Amino acid sequence: MISWDVRPQWQIEADPAKTSEVEVRFVSETPSRTRVELEHHNLERHGEGWEQMRDAVGAPDGWDLGLRRFAERLTR
């Protein structure tokens, strides 16, 4: 679990009460294959504008793109 300390305006958030958490799990599927699962929790804590952040990280160029690039880098 990591803390997502970014405001909806894409600036650093210093108040821990206004941050969300990103849970990353690595699940072994076979001896040569691992699935990465990511869940972003408590986005509403970011306050006004949190819905836009949810939509941005949930968009095709959000977490999905980041995870695809991570996987591509690992398979080179």
C-alpha atoms as a PDB file:
ATOM      1  CA  MET A   1       0.000   0.000   0.000  1.00  0.00           C
ATOM      2  CA  ILE A   2       1.329   3.419  -0.950  1.00  0.00           C
ATOM      3  CA  SER A   3      -0.078   6.857  -0.287  1.00  0.00           C
ATOM      4  CA  TRP A   4      -1.244   8.929  -3.274  1.00  0.00           C
ATOM      5  CA  ASP A   5      -0.289  12.445  -2.147  1.00  0.00           C
ATOM      6  CA  VAL A   6      -1.481  14.313  -5.218  1.00  0.00           C
ATOM      7  CA  ARG A   7      -4.265  16.899  -5.267  1.00  0.00           C
ATOM      8  CA  PRO A   8      -6.919  16.888  -7.995  1.00  0.00           C
ATOM      9  CA  GLN A   9      -4.980  19.842  -9.484  1.00  0.00           C
ATOM     10  CA  TRP A  10      -1.957  17.489  -9.841  1.00  0.00           C
ATOM     11  CA  GLN A  11       0.032  19.194  -7.080  1.00  0.00           C
ATOM     12  CA  ILE A  12       1.609  17.624  -3.992  1.00  0.00           C
ATOM     13  CA  GLU A  13      -0.802  17.163  -1.059  1.00  0.00           C
ATOM     14  CA  ALA A  14       0.884  17.591   2.343  1.00  0.00           C
ATOM     15  CA  ASP A  15      -2.173  16.758   4.487  1.00  0.00           C
ATOM     16  CA  PRO A  16      -2.364  12.962   4.998  1.00  0.00           C
ATOM     17  CA  ALA A  17      -6.111  13.270   5.697  1.00  0.00           C
ATOM     18  CA  LYS A  18      -6.577  14.396   2.084  1.00  0.00           C
ATOM     19  CA  THR A  19      -4.679  11.567   0.422  1.00  0.00           C
ATOM     20  CA  SER A  20      -5.759   8.224  -0.990  1.00  0.00           C
ATOM     21  CA  GLU A  21      -4.072   4.833  -1.072  1.00  0.00           C
ATOM     22  CA  VAL A  22      -2.897   2.701  -3.931  1.00  0.00           C
ATOM     23  CA  GLU A  23      -2.740  -1.026  -3.204  1.00  0.00           C
ATOM     24  CA  VAL A  24      -0.508  -3.059  -5.492  1.00  0.00           C
ATOM     25  CA  ARG A  25      -0.527  -6.864  -5.373  1.00  0.00           C
ATOM     26  CA  PHE A  26       1.695  -9.267  -7.276  1.00  0.00           C
ATOM     27  CA  VAL A  27      -0.090 -12.576  -7.845  1.00  0.00           C
ATOM     28  CA  SER A  28       1.870 -15.576  -9.097  1.00  0.00           C
ATOM     29  CA  GLU A  29      -0.063 -17.313 -11.863  1.00  0.00           C
ATOM     30  CA  THR A  30       2.640 -19.682 -13.117  1.00  0.00           C
ATOM     31  CA  PRO A  31       6.375 -20.022 -12.421  1.00  0.00           C
ATOM     32  CA  SER A  32       7.018 -17.568 -15.275  1.00  0.00           C
ATOM     33  CA  ARG A  33       3.956 -15.304 -15.056  1.00  0.00           C
ATOM     34  CA  THR A  34       2.884 -12.761 -12.442  1.00  0.00           C
ATOM     35  CA  ARG A  35      -0.299 -10.702 -12.506  1.00  0.00           C
ATOM     36  CA  VAL A  36      -0.179  -7.167 -11.086  1.00  0.00           C
ATOM     37  CA  GLU A  37      -3.399  -5.991  -9.447  1.00  0.00           C
ATOM     38  CA  LEU A  38      -3.869  -2.334  -8.551  1.00  0.00           C
ATOM     39  CA  GLU A  39      -6.674  -0.763  -6.525  1.00  0.00           C
ATOM     40  CA  HIS A  40      -6.899   2.952  -5.790  1.00  0.00           C
ATOM     41  CA  HIS A  41      -8.861   3.491  -2.551  1.00  0.00           C
ATOM     42  CA  ASN A  42     -10.478   6.525  -0.883  1.00  0.00           C
ATOM     43  CA  LEU A  43     -10.209   9.002  -3.749  1.00  0.00           C
ATOM     44  CA  GLU A  44     -13.040  11.024  -2.200  1.00  0.00           C
ATOM     45  CA  ARG A  45     -10.619  12.126   0.558  1.00  0.00           C
ATOM     46  CA  HIS A  46      -9.035  14.495  -1.956  1.00  0.00           C
ATOM     47  CA  GLY A  47     -12.032  16.792  -1.623  1.00  0.00           C
ATOM     48  CA  GLU A  48     -13.393  19.039  -4.327  1.00  0.00           C
ATOM     49  CA  GLY A  49     -12.458  17.765  -7.763  1.00  0.00           C
ATOM     50  CA  TRP A  50     -11.836  14.175  -6.670  1.00  0.00           C
ATOM     51  CA  GLU A  51     -14.172  12.886  -9.388  1.00  0.00           C
ATOM     52  CA  GLN A  52     -11.915  14.304 -12.114  1.00  0.00           C
ATOM     53  CA  MET A  53      -8.932  12.569 -10.526  1.00  0.00           C
ATOM     54  CA  ARG A  54     -10.884   9.294 -10.441  1.00  0.00           C
ATOM     55  CA  ASP A  55     -11.767   9.696 -14.098  1.00  0.00           C
ATOM     56  CA  ALA A  56      -8.163  10.572 -15.041  1.00  0.00           C
ATOM     57  CA  VAL A  57      -6.511   7.616 -13.306  1.00  0.00           C
ATOM     58  CA  GLY A  58      -9.294   5.331 -14.569  1.00  0.00           C
ATOM     59  CA  ALA A  59      -8.909   6.473 -18.185  1.00  0.00           C
ATOM     60  CA  PRO A  60      -6.966   4.444 -20.778  1.00  0.00           C
ATOM     61  CA  ASP A  61      -3.975   6.768 -20.301  1.00  0.00           C
ATOM     62  CA  GLY A  62      -4.155   6.513 -16.492  1.00  0.00           C
ATOM     63  CA  TRP A  63      -3.195   3.497 -14.376  1.00  0.00           C
ATOM     64  CA  ASP A  64      -3.756   1.145 -17.339  1.00  0.00           C
ATOM     65  CA  LEU A  65      -1.111   2.912 -19.411  1.00  0.00           C
ATOM     66  CA  GLY A  66       1.331   2.985 -16.518  1.00  0.00           C
ATOM     67  CA  LEU A  67       0.916  -0.724 -15.855  1.00  0.00           C
ATOM     68  CA  ARG A  68       1.262  -1.577 -19.568  1.00  0.00           C
ATOM     69  CA  ARG A  69       4.506   0.398 -19.750  1.00  0.00           C
ATOM     70  CA  PHE A  70       5.738  -1.315 -16.584  1.00  0.00           C
ATOM     71  CA  ALA A  71       5.006  -4.736 -18.113  1.00  0.00           C
ATOM     72  CA  GLU A  72       6.660  -3.799 -21.415  1.00  0.00           C
ATOM     73  CA  ARG A  73       9.779  -2.667 -19.598  1.00  0.00           C
ATOM     74  CA  LEU A  74       9.990  -5.913 -17.641  1.00  0.00           C
ATOM     75  CA  THR A  75       9.661  -8.100 -20.731  1.00  0.00           C
ATOM     76  CA  ARG A  76      12.490  -6.456 -22.708  1.00  0.00           C
END
